[in-house]
Amino acid sequence: MRGIWEKIEQDGALTEEFRACIERVYKDRGRKALTAVDERRVKRYLDFYVVVGHSNEYIVEEDFCTCSDFLFRGRECWHILAVRIAERTGLYESYDLWYQDVWKL
């Protein structure tokens, strides 16, 4: 799987090959991550990435996420996968703001 992450970073594109690999390896989590990227629900702020879920927004920083799936199971959730995909393809919305300041509003 490591090779495909490097390949997408090189290509900077979300190819059908990459989509198929993500779905094969990560199954439902992979499908949810791809959908979030396709729907532009990954946001990049100055301090964090945020993934907009169906009921909440989740902060993702490297291999940590604020969702209950990650907090309960301590493993890679679909929000983290969505950020990995978005980072490598540039398919995210970028904000020149600190999320912690936006959240306070």
PDB file of N, CA and C in Angstrom:
ATOM      1  N   MET A   1       0.824  -1.196   0.000  1.00  0.00           N
ATOM      2  CA  MET A   1       0.000   0.000   0.000  1.00  0.00           C
ATOM      3  C   MET A   1       0.867   1.259   0.000  1.00  0.00           C
ATOM      4  N   ARG A   2       2.037   1.147   0.594  1.00  0.00           N
ATOM      5  CA  ARG A   2       2.911   2.313   0.662  1.00  0.00           C
ATOM      6  C   ARG A   2       3.254   2.843  -0.729  1.00  0.00           C
ATOM      7  N   GLY A   3       3.476   1.937  -1.658  1.00  0.00           N
ATOM      8  CA  GLY A   3       3.835   2.328  -3.012  1.00  0.00           C
ATOM      9  C   GLY A   3       2.757   3.130  -3.706  1.00  0.00           C
ATOM     10  N   ILE A   4       1.499   2.789  -3.454  1.00  0.00           N
ATOM     11  CA  ILE A   4       0.410   3.528  -4.097  1.00  0.00           C
ATOM     12  C   ILE A   4       0.315   4.949  -3.541  1.00  0.00           C
ATOM     13  N   TRP A   5       0.586   5.126  -2.231  1.00  0.00           N
ATOM     14  CA  TRP A   5       0.576   6.482  -1.651  1.00  0.00           C
ATOM     15  C   TRP A   5       1.691   7.321  -2.279  1.00  0.00           C
ATOM     16  N   GLU A   6       2.838   6.716  -2.485  1.00  0.00           N
ATOM     17  CA  GLU A   6       3.948   7.439  -3.124  1.00  0.00           C
ATOM     18  C   GLU A   6       3.615   7.759  -4.574  1.00  0.00           C
ATOM     19  N   LYS A   7       2.970   6.812  -5.256  1.00  0.00           N
ATOM     20  CA  LYS A   7       2.616   7.031  -6.664  1.00  0.00           C
ATOM     21  C   LYS A   7       1.606   8.172  -6.811  1.00  0.00           C
ATOM     22  N   ILE A   8       0.603   8.193  -5.959  1.00  0.00           N
ATOM     23  CA  ILE A   8      -0.383   9.270  -6.087  1.00  0.00           C
ATOM     24  C   ILE A   8       0.238  10.615  -5.741  1.00  0.00           C
ATOM     25  N   GLU A   9       1.194  10.615  -4.815  1.00  0.00           N
ATOM     26  CA  GLU A   9       1.881  11.869  -4.489  1.00  0.00           C
ATOM     27  C   GLU A   9       2.691  12.354  -5.691  1.00  0.00           C
ATOM     28  N   GLN A  10       3.322  11.429  -6.398  1.00  0.00           N
ATOM     29  CA  GLN A  10       4.085  11.778  -7.602  1.00  0.00           C
ATOM     30  C   GLN A  10       3.157  12.295  -8.699  1.00  0.00           C
ATOM     31  N   ASP A  11       2.078  11.545  -8.936  1.00  0.00           N
ATOM     32  CA  ASP A  11       1.151  11.891 -10.019  1.00  0.00           C
ATOM     33  C   ASP A  11       0.255  13.068  -9.659  1.00  0.00           C
ATOM     34  N   GLY A  12      -0.074  13.205  -8.364  1.00  0.00           N
ATOM     35  CA  GLY A  12      -0.966  14.278  -7.928  1.00  0.00           C
ATOM     36  C   GLY A  12      -2.371  14.138  -8.490  1.00  0.00           C
ATOM     37  N   ALA A  13      -2.768  12.894  -8.781  1.00  0.00           N
ATOM     38  CA  ALA A  13      -4.081  12.669  -9.389  1.00  0.00           C
ATOM     39  C   ALA A  13      -4.772  11.480  -8.736  1.00  0.00           C
ATOM     40  N   LEU A  14      -6.073  11.548  -8.727  1.00  0.00           N
ATOM     41  CA  LEU A  14      -6.897  10.480  -8.170  1.00  0.00           C
ATOM     42  C   LEU A  14      -7.368   9.591  -9.319  1.00  0.00           C
ATOM     43  N   THR A  15      -6.537   8.612  -9.674  1.00  0.00           N
ATOM     44  CA  THR A  15      -6.828   7.754 -10.817  1.00  0.00           C
ATOM     45  C   THR A  15      -7.774   6.618 -10.425  1.00  0.00           C
ATOM     46  N   GLU A  16      -8.318   5.958 -11.422  1.00  0.00           N
ATOM     47  CA  GLU A  16      -9.183   4.802 -11.168  1.00  0.00           C
ATOM     48  C   GLU A  16      -8.399   3.689 -10.477  1.00  0.00           C
ATOM     49  N   GLU A  17      -7.142   3.534 -10.841  1.00  0.00           N
ATOM     50  CA  GLU A  17      -6.286   2.529 -10.199  1.00  0.00           C
ATOM     51  C   GLU A  17      -6.167   2.808  -8.701  1.00  0.00           C
ATOM     52  N   PHE A  18      -5.939   4.056  -8.359  1.00  0.00           N
ATOM     53  CA  PHE A  18      -5.809   4.433  -6.953  1.00  0.00           C
ATOM     54  C   PHE A  18      -7.126   4.216  -6.213  1.00  0.00           C
ATOM     55  N   ARG A  19      -8.237   4.635  -6.835  1.00  0.00           N
ATOM     56  CA  ARG A  19      -9.558   4.445  -6.217  1.00  0.00           C
ATOM     57  C   ARG A  19      -9.819   2.962  -5.935  1.00  0.00           C
ATOM     58  N   ALA A  20      -9.539   2.126  -6.900  1.00  0.00           N
ATOM     59  CA  ALA A  20      -9.767   0.690  -6.745  1.00  0.00           C
ATOM     60  C   ALA A  20      -8.901   0.114  -5.623  1.00  0.00           C
ATOM     61  N   CYS A  21      -7.669   0.556  -5.543  1.00  0.00           N
ATOM     62  CA  CYS A  21      -6.762   0.079  -4.505  1.00  0.00           C
ATOM     63  C   CYS A  21      -7.258   0.498  -3.120  1.00  0.00           C
ATOM     64  N   ILE A  22      -7.668   1.750  -2.979  1.00  0.00           N
ATOM     65  CA  ILE A  22      -8.192   2.256  -1.700  1.00  0.00           C
ATOM     66  C   ILE A  22      -9.423   1.451  -1.282  1.00  0.00           C
ATOM     67  N   GLU A  23     -10.327   1.220  -2.215  1.00  0.00           N
ATOM     68  CA  GLU A  23     -11.545   0.468  -1.889  1.00  0.00           C
ATOM     69  C   GLU A  23     -11.231  -0.987  -1.552  1.00  0.00           C
ATOM     70  N   ARG A  24     -10.281  -1.567  -2.250  1.00  0.00           N
ATOM     71  CA  ARG A  24      -9.924  -2.965  -2.002  1.00  0.00           C
ATOM     72  C   ARG A  24      -9.284  -3.126  -0.618  1.00  0.00           C
ATOM     73  N   VAL A  25      -8.385  -2.225  -0.266  1.00  0.00           N
ATOM     74  CA  VAL A  25      -7.648  -2.344   0.992  1.00  0.00           C
ATOM     75  C   VAL A  25      -8.484  -1.864   2.187  1.00  0.00           C
ATOM     76  N   TYR A  26      -9.151  -0.717   2.042  1.00  0.00           N
ATOM     77  CA  TYR A  26      -9.834  -0.098   3.182  1.00  0.00           C
ATOM     78  C   TYR A  26     -11.346  -0.325   3.200  1.00  0.00           C
ATOM     79  N   LYS A  27     -11.861  -0.929   2.168  1.00  0.00           N
ATOM     80  CA  LYS A  27     -13.289  -1.281   2.070  1.00  0.00           C
ATOM     81  C   LYS A  27     -14.204  -0.084   2.342  1.00  0.00           C
ATOM     82  N   ASP A  28     -15.132  -0.180   3.285  1.00  0.00           N
ATOM     83  CA  ASP A  28     -16.112   0.879   3.526  1.00  0.00           C
ATOM     84  C   ASP A  28     -15.453   2.192   3.933  1.00  0.00           C
ATOM     85  N   ARG A  29     -14.401   2.109   4.746  1.00  0.00           N
ATOM     86  CA  ARG A  29     -13.687   3.339   5.139  1.00  0.00           C
ATOM     87  C   ARG A  29     -13.090   4.023   3.909  1.00  0.00           C
ATOM     88  N   GLY A  30     -12.573   3.241   2.993  1.00  0.00           N
ATOM     89  CA  GLY A  30     -12.013   3.793   1.761  1.00  0.00           C
ATOM     90  C   GLY A  30     -13.069   4.462   0.899  1.00  0.00           C
ATOM     91  N   ARG A  31     -14.226   3.820   0.781  1.00  0.00           N
ATOM     92  CA  ARG A  31     -15.325   4.408  -0.008  1.00  0.00           C
ATOM     93  C   ARG A  31     -15.791   5.729   0.606  1.00  0.00           C
ATOM     94  N   LYS A  32     -15.919   5.754   1.926  1.00  0.00           N
ATOM     95  CA  LYS A  32     -16.338   6.992   2.603  1.00  0.00           C
ATOM     96  C   LYS A  32     -15.302   8.104   2.407  1.00  0.00           C
ATOM     97  N   ALA A  33     -14.030   7.751   2.495  1.00  0.00           N
ATOM     98  CA  ALA A  33     -12.961   8.740   2.299  1.00  0.00           C
ATOM     99  C   ALA A  33     -12.989   9.302   0.883  1.00  0.00           C
ATOM    100  N   LEU A  34     -13.134   8.439  -0.098  1.00  0.00           N
ATOM    101  CA  LEU A  34     -13.189   8.888  -1.495  1.00  0.00           C
ATOM    102  C   LEU A  34     -14.400   9.779  -1.738  1.00  0.00           C
ATOM    103  N   THR A  35     -15.527   9.426  -1.146  1.00  0.00           N
ATOM    104  CA  THR A  35     -16.735  10.250  -1.294  1.00  0.00           C
ATOM    105  C   THR A  35     -16.509  11.632  -0.695  1.00  0.00           C
ATOM    106  N   ALA A  36     -15.902  11.692   0.477  1.00  0.00           N
ATOM    107  CA  ALA A  36     -15.631  12.986   1.116  1.00  0.00           C
ATOM    108  C   ALA A  36     -14.727  13.854   0.248  1.00  0.00           C
ATOM    109  N   VAL A  37     -13.718  13.248  -0.351  1.00  0.00           N
ATOM    110  CA  VAL A  37     -12.810  13.995  -1.238  1.00  0.00           C
ATOM    111  C   VAL A  37     -13.571  14.456  -2.478  1.00  0.00           C
ATOM    112  N   ASP A  38     -14.349  13.568  -3.075  1.00  0.00           N
ATOM    113  CA  ASP A  38     -15.127  13.920  -4.267  1.00  0.00           C
ATOM    114  C   ASP A  38     -16.100  15.060  -3.997  1.00  0.00           C
ATOM    115  N   GLU A  39     -16.664  15.075  -2.804  1.00  0.00           N
ATOM    116  CA  GLU A  39     -17.653  16.101  -2.437  1.00  0.00           C
ATOM    117  C   GLU A  39     -17.010  17.342  -1.827  1.00  0.00           C
ATOM    118  N   ARG A  40     -15.691  17.409  -1.866  1.00  0.00           N
ATOM    119  CA  ARG A  40     -14.920  18.557  -1.358  1.00  0.00           C
ATOM    120  C   ARG A  40     -15.246  18.856   0.106  1.00  0.00           C
ATOM    121  N   ARG A  41     -15.301  17.798   0.918  1.00  0.00           N
ATOM    122  CA  ARG A  41     -15.589  17.961   2.337  1.00  0.00           C
ATOM    123  C   ARG A  41     -14.327  17.943   3.196  1.00  0.00           C
ATOM    124  N   VAL A  42     -13.153  18.030   2.550  1.00  0.00           N
ATOM    125  CA  VAL A  42     -11.884  18.138   3.268  1.00  0.00           C
ATOM    126  C   VAL A  42     -11.445  19.599   3.188  1.00  0.00           C
ATOM    127  N   LYS A  43     -11.227  20.178   4.359  1.00  0.00           N
ATOM    128  CA  LYS A  43     -10.860  21.596   4.456  1.00  0.00           C
ATOM    129  C   LYS A  43      -9.480  21.709   5.095  1.00  0.00           C
ATOM    130  N   ARG A  44      -8.655  22.567   4.537  1.00  0.00           N
ATOM    131  CA  ARG A  44      -7.328  22.788   5.117  1.00  0.00           C
ATOM    132  C   ARG A  44      -7.282  24.193   5.700  1.00  0.00           C
ATOM    133  N   TYR A  45      -7.042  24.246   6.991  1.00  0.00           N
ATOM    134  CA  TYR A  45      -6.865  25.515   7.702  1.00  0.00           C
ATOM    135  C   TYR A  45      -5.385  25.665   8.026  1.00  0.00           C
ATOM    136  N   LEU A  46      -5.002  26.770   8.620  1.00  0.00           N
ATOM    137  CA  LEU A  46      -3.596  26.988   8.954  1.00  0.00           C
ATOM    138  C   LEU A  46      -3.097  26.023  10.029  1.00  0.00           C
ATOM    139  N   ASP A  47      -4.003  25.557  10.890  1.00  0.00           N
ATOM    140  CA  ASP A  47      -3.579  24.696  11.986  1.00  0.00           C
ATOM    141  C   ASP A  47      -3.987  23.232  11.841  1.00  0.00           C
ATOM    142  N   PHE A  48      -5.067  22.939  11.125  1.00  0.00           N
ATOM    143  CA  PHE A  48      -5.561  21.568  11.033  1.00  0.00           C
ATOM    144  C   PHE A  48      -6.214  21.325   9.682  1.00  0.00           C
ATOM    145  N   TYR A  49      -6.395  20.052   9.391  1.00  0.00           N
ATOM    146  CA  TYR A  49      -7.349  19.657   8.358  1.00  0.00           C
ATOM    147  C   TYR A  49      -8.652  19.374   9.085  1.00  0.00           C
ATOM    148  N   VAL A  50      -9.760  19.643   8.434  1.00  0.00           N
ATOM    149  CA  VAL A  50     -11.073  19.340   8.980  1.00  0.00           C
ATOM    150  C   VAL A  50     -11.844  18.579   7.912  1.00  0.00           C
ATOM    151  N   VAL A  51     -12.472  17.486   8.324  1.00  0.00           N
ATOM    152  CA  VAL A  51     -13.306  16.719   7.416  1.00  0.00           C
ATOM    153  C   VAL A  51     -14.748  16.880   7.891  1.00  0.00           C
ATOM    154  N   VAL A  52     -15.586  17.324   6.975  1.00  0.00           N
ATOM    155  CA  VAL A  52     -16.996  17.506   7.292  1.00  0.00           C
ATOM    156  C   VAL A  52     -17.698  16.165   7.116  1.00  0.00           C
ATOM    157  N   GLY A  53     -18.189  15.633   8.230  1.00  0.00           N
ATOM    158  CA  GLY A  53     -18.919  14.381   8.203  1.00  0.00           C
ATOM    159  C   GLY A  53     -20.402  14.652   8.025  1.00  0.00           C
ATOM    160  N   HIS A  54     -21.204  13.639   8.238  1.00  0.00           N
ATOM    161  CA  HIS A  54     -22.652  13.800   8.079  1.00  0.00           C
ATOM    162  C   HIS A  54     -23.298  14.473   9.279  1.00  0.00           C
ATOM    163  N   SER A  55     -22.666  14.361  10.456  1.00  0.00           N
ATOM    164  CA  SER A  55     -23.264  14.955  11.647  1.00  0.00           C
ATOM    165  C   SER A  55     -22.336  15.908  12.384  1.00  0.00           C
ATOM    166  N   ASN A  56     -21.089  16.013  11.957  1.00  0.00           N
ATOM    167  CA  ASN A  56     -20.140  16.863  12.680  1.00  0.00           C
ATOM    168  C   ASN A  56     -18.921  17.129  11.808  1.00  0.00           C
ATOM    169  N   GLU A  57     -18.059  18.012  12.285  1.00  0.00           N
ATOM    170  CA  GLU A  57     -16.764  18.254  11.658  1.00  0.00           C
ATOM    171  C   GLU A  57     -15.707  17.614  12.530  1.00  0.00           C
ATOM    172  N   TYR A  58     -14.697  16.993  11.893  1.00  0.00           N
ATOM    173  CA  TYR A  58     -13.669  16.280  12.635  1.00  0.00           C
ATOM    174  C   TYR A  58     -12.304  16.850  12.308  1.00  0.00           C
ATOM    175  N   ILE A  59     -11.533  17.136  13.336  1.00  0.00           N
ATOM    176  CA  ILE A  59     -10.187  17.656  13.171  1.00  0.00           C
ATOM    177  C   ILE A  59      -9.241  16.483  12.950  1.00  0.00           C
ATOM    178  N   VAL A  60      -8.408  16.615  11.926  1.00  0.00           N
ATOM    179  CA  VAL A  60      -7.410  15.591  11.622  1.00  0.00           C
ATOM    180  C   VAL A  60      -6.047  16.257  11.620  1.00  0.00           C
ATOM    181  N   GLU A  61      -5.139  15.673  12.393  1.00  0.00           N
ATOM    182  CA  GLU A  61      -3.765  16.160  12.421  1.00  0.00           C
ATOM    183  C   GLU A  61      -2.848  14.946  12.365  1.00  0.00           C
ATOM    184  N   GLU A  62      -2.163  14.793  11.260  1.00  0.00           N
ATOM    185  CA  GLU A  62      -1.305  13.640  10.987  1.00  0.00           C
ATOM    186  C   GLU A  62      -2.111  12.354  11.150  1.00  0.00           C
ATOM    187  N   ASP A  63      -1.777  11.515  12.119  1.00  0.00           N
ATOM    188  CA  ASP A  63      -2.479  10.244  12.299  1.00  0.00           C
ATOM    189  C   ASP A  63      -3.425  10.288  13.496  1.00  0.00           C
ATOM    190  N   PHE A  64      -4.031  11.425  13.754  1.00  0.00           N
ATOM    191  CA  PHE A  64      -4.986  11.595  14.848  1.00  0.00           C
ATOM    192  C   PHE A  64      -6.263  12.231  14.318  1.00  0.00           C
ATOM    193  N   CYS A  65      -7.399  11.762  14.822  1.00  0.00           N
ATOM    194  CA  CYS A  65      -8.695  12.331  14.446  1.00  0.00           C
ATOM    195  C   CYS A  65      -9.568  12.426  15.692  1.00  0.00           C
ATOM    196  N   THR A  66     -10.447  13.423  15.709  1.00  0.00           N
ATOM    197  CA  THR A  66     -11.328  13.622  16.860  1.00  0.00           C
ATOM    198  C   THR A  66     -12.616  12.812  16.789  1.00  0.00           C
ATOM    199  N   CYS A  67     -12.792  11.984  15.777  1.00  0.00           N
ATOM    200  CA  CYS A  67     -14.028  11.197  15.670  1.00  0.00           C
ATOM    201  C   CYS A  67     -14.050  10.065  16.699  1.00  0.00           C
ATOM    202  N   SER A  68     -15.226   9.590  17.012  1.00  0.00           N
ATOM    203  CA  SER A  68     -15.362   8.529  18.013  1.00  0.00           C
ATOM    204  C   SER A  68     -14.762   7.207  17.533  1.00  0.00           C
ATOM    205  N   ASP A  69     -14.814   6.945  16.229  1.00  0.00           N
ATOM    206  CA  ASP A  69     -14.222   5.715  15.702  1.00  0.00           C
ATOM    207  C   ASP A  69     -12.732   5.669  16.031  1.00  0.00           C
ATOM    208  N   PHE A  70     -12.038   6.756  15.768  1.00  0.00           N
ATOM    209  CA  PHE A  70     -10.599   6.803  16.060  1.00  0.00           C
ATOM    210  C   PHE A  70     -10.361   6.770  17.565  1.00  0.00           C
ATOM    211  N   LEU A  71     -11.109   7.579  18.318  1.00  0.00           N
ATOM    212  CA  LEU A  71     -10.886   7.649  19.758  1.00  0.00           C
ATOM    213  C   LEU A  71     -11.185   6.318  20.446  1.00  0.00           C
ATOM    214  N   PHE A  72     -12.192   5.605  19.977  1.00  0.00           N
ATOM    215  CA  PHE A  72     -12.575   4.337  20.590  1.00  0.00           C
ATOM    216  C   PHE A  72     -11.654   3.200  20.159  1.00  0.00           C
ATOM    217  N   ARG A  73     -11.390   3.113  18.870  1.00  0.00           N
ATOM    218  CA  ARG A  73     -10.607   1.988  18.344  1.00  0.00           C
ATOM    219  C   ARG A  73      -9.113   2.289  18.236  1.00  0.00           C
ATOM    220  N   GLY A  74      -8.767   3.583  18.194  1.00  0.00           N
ATOM    221  CA  GLY A  74      -7.363   3.953  18.095  1.00  0.00           C
ATOM    222  C   GLY A  74      -6.717   3.548  16.793  1.00  0.00           C
ATOM    223  N   ARG A  75      -7.490   3.582  15.716  1.00  0.00           N
ATOM    224  CA  ARG A  75      -6.938   3.196  14.414  1.00  0.00           C
ATOM    225  C   ARG A  75      -7.358   4.197  13.359  1.00  0.00           C
ATOM    226  N   GLU A  76      -6.834   3.977  12.198  1.00  0.00           N
ATOM    227  CA  GLU A  76      -7.066   4.856  11.064  1.00  0.00           C
ATOM    228  C   GLU A  76      -8.545   4.874  10.665  1.00  0.00           C
ATOM    229  N   CYS A  77      -9.175   6.034  10.773  1.00  0.00           N
ATOM    230  CA  CYS A  77     -10.580   6.193  10.394  1.00  0.00           C
ATOM    231  C   CYS A  77     -10.666   6.734   8.960  1.00  0.00           C
ATOM    232  N   TRP A  78     -11.885   6.825   8.442  1.00  0.00           N
ATOM    233  CA  TRP A  78     -12.028   7.301   7.062  1.00  0.00           C
ATOM    234  C   TRP A  78     -11.690   8.779   6.934  1.00  0.00           C
ATOM    235  N   HIS A  79     -11.775   9.544   8.020  1.00  0.00           N
ATOM    236  CA  HIS A  79     -11.414  10.969   7.968  1.00  0.00           C
ATOM    237  C   HIS A  79      -9.911  11.127   7.708  1.00  0.00           C
ATOM    238  N   ILE A  80      -9.099  10.300   8.375  1.00  0.00           N
ATOM    239  CA  ILE A  80      -7.651  10.329   8.161  1.00  0.00           C
ATOM    240  C   ILE A  80      -7.333   9.917   6.720  1.00  0.00           C
ATOM    241  N   LEU A  81      -8.007   8.889   6.238  1.00  0.00           N
ATOM    242  CA  LEU A  81      -7.794   8.468   4.844  1.00  0.00           C
ATOM    243  C   LEU A  81      -8.162   9.589   3.878  1.00  0.00           C
ATOM    244  N   ALA A  82      -9.268  10.276   4.134  1.00  0.00           N
ATOM    245  CA  ALA A  82      -9.693  11.374   3.256  1.00  0.00           C
ATOM    246  C   ALA A  82      -8.635  12.468   3.210  1.00  0.00           C
ATOM    247  N   VAL A  83      -8.049  12.786   4.354  1.00  0.00           N
ATOM    248  CA  VAL A  83      -7.000  13.808   4.388  1.00  0.00           C
ATOM    249  C   VAL A  83      -5.768  13.331   3.623  1.00  0.00           C
ATOM    250  N   ARG A  84      -5.378  12.088   3.789  1.00  0.00           N
ATOM    251  CA  ARG A  84      -4.223  11.557   3.034  1.00  0.00           C
ATOM    252  C   ARG A  84      -4.437  11.679   1.534  1.00  0.00           C
ATOM    253  N   ILE A  85      -5.627  11.327   1.094  1.00  0.00           N
ATOM    254  CA  ILE A  85      -5.943  11.417  -0.330  1.00  0.00           C
ATOM    255  C   ILE A  85      -5.924  12.882  -0.781  1.00  0.00           C
ATOM    256  N   ALA A  86      -6.587  13.733  -0.016  1.00  0.00           N
ATOM    257  CA  ALA A  86      -6.691  15.154  -0.376  1.00  0.00           C
ATOM    258  C   ALA A  86      -5.322  15.827  -0.404  1.00  0.00           C
ATOM    259  N   GLU A  87      -4.475  15.518   0.570  1.00  0.00           N
ATOM    260  CA  GLU A  87      -3.121  16.096   0.612  1.00  0.00           C
ATOM    261  C   GLU A  87      -2.341  15.771  -0.653  1.00  0.00           C
ATOM    262  N   ARG A  88      -2.438  14.545  -1.085  1.00  0.00           N
ATOM    263  CA  ARG A  88      -1.639  14.081  -2.214  1.00  0.00           C
ATOM    264  C   ARG A  88      -2.190  14.516  -3.566  1.00  0.00           C
ATOM    265  N   THR A  89      -3.463  14.854  -3.607  1.00  0.00           N
ATOM    266  CA  THR A  89      -4.083  15.243  -4.878  1.00  0.00           C
ATOM    267  C   THR A  89      -4.398  16.732  -4.956  1.00  0.00           C
ATOM    268  N   GLY A  90      -4.337  17.414  -3.821  1.00  0.00           N
ATOM    269  CA  GLY A  90      -4.701  18.828  -3.788  1.00  0.00           C
ATOM    270  C   GLY A  90      -6.208  19.048  -3.835  1.00  0.00           C
ATOM    271  N   LEU A  91      -6.985  17.996  -3.601  1.00  0.00           N
ATOM    272  CA  LEU A  91      -8.443  18.092  -3.670  1.00  0.00           C
ATOM    273  C   LEU A  91      -9.032  18.426  -2.304  1.00  0.00           C
ATOM    274  N   TYR A  92      -8.795  19.651  -1.866  1.00  0.00           N
ATOM    275  CA  TYR A  92      -9.339  20.144  -0.606  1.00  0.00           C
ATOM    276  C   TYR A  92      -9.565  21.643  -0.736  1.00  0.00           C
ATOM    277  N   GLU A  93     -10.413  22.166   0.135  1.00  0.00           N
ATOM    278  CA  GLU A  93     -10.612  23.605   0.181  1.00  0.00           C
ATOM    279  C   GLU A  93      -9.608  24.168   1.168  1.00  0.00           C
ATOM    280  N   SER A  94      -8.963  25.260   0.792  1.00  0.00           N
ATOM    281  CA  SER A  94      -7.946  25.853   1.635  1.00  0.00           C
ATOM    282  C   SER A  94      -8.439  27.185   2.193  1.00  0.00           C
ATOM    283  N   TYR A  95      -8.225  27.372   3.489  1.00  0.00           N
ATOM    284  CA  TYR A  95      -8.634  28.603   4.163  1.00  0.00           C
ATOM    285  C   TYR A  95      -7.422  29.231   4.833  1.00  0.00           C
ATOM    286  N   ASP A  96      -7.236  30.507   4.640  1.00  0.00           N
ATOM    287  CA  ASP A  96      -6.134  31.228   5.259  1.00  0.00           C
ATOM    288  C   ASP A  96      -6.574  31.728   6.639  1.00  0.00           C
ATOM    289  N   LEU A  97      -7.056  30.792   7.456  1.00  0.00           N
ATOM    290  CA  LEU A  97      -7.564  31.071   8.795  1.00  0.00           C
ATOM    291  C   LEU A  97      -7.109  29.978   9.735  1.00  0.00           C
ATOM    292  N   TRP A  98      -7.123  30.276  11.012  1.00  0.00           N
ATOM    293  CA  TRP A  98      -6.887  29.267  12.031  1.00  0.00           C
ATOM    294  C   TRP A  98      -8.236  28.652  12.381  1.00  0.00           C
ATOM    295  N   TYR A  99      -8.335  27.336  12.300  1.00  0.00           N
ATOM    296  CA  TYR A  99      -9.599  26.666  12.600  1.00  0.00           C
ATOM    297  C   TYR A  99     -10.020  26.929  14.040  1.00  0.00           C
ATOM    298  N   GLN A 100      -9.069  26.965  14.949  1.00  0.00           N
ATOM    299  CA  GLN A 100      -9.416  27.223  16.342  1.00  0.00           C
ATOM    300  C   GLN A 100     -10.075  28.584  16.516  1.00  0.00           C
ATOM    301  N   ASP A 101      -9.757  29.555  15.664  1.00  0.00           N
ATOM    302  CA  ASP A 101     -10.430  30.857  15.725  1.00  0.00           C
ATOM    303  C   ASP A 101     -11.825  30.779  15.124  1.00  0.00           C
ATOM    304  N   VAL A 102     -11.993  30.023  14.058  1.00  0.00           N
ATOM    305  CA  VAL A 102     -13.294  29.853  13.418  1.00  0.00           C
ATOM    306  C   VAL A 102     -14.233  29.121  14.370  1.00  0.00           C
ATOM    307  N   TRP A 103     -13.715  28.106  15.032  1.00  0.00           N
ATOM    308  CA  TRP A 103     -14.516  27.288  15.943  1.00  0.00           C
ATOM    309  C   TRP A 103     -15.060  28.103  17.110  1.00  0.00           C
ATOM    310  N   LYS A 104     -14.324  29.123  17.540  1.00  0.00           N
ATOM    311  CA  LYS A 104     -14.754  29.966  18.663  1.00  0.00           C
ATOM    312  C   LYS A 104     -15.953  30.826  18.313  1.00  0.00           C
ATOM    313  N   LEU A 105     -16.115  31.121  17.017  1.00  0.00           N
ATOM    314  CA  LEU A 105     -17.189  32.032  16.610  1.00  0.00           C
ATOM    315  C   LEU A 105     -18.565  31.496  16.826  1.00  0.00           C
TER     316      LEU A 105
END
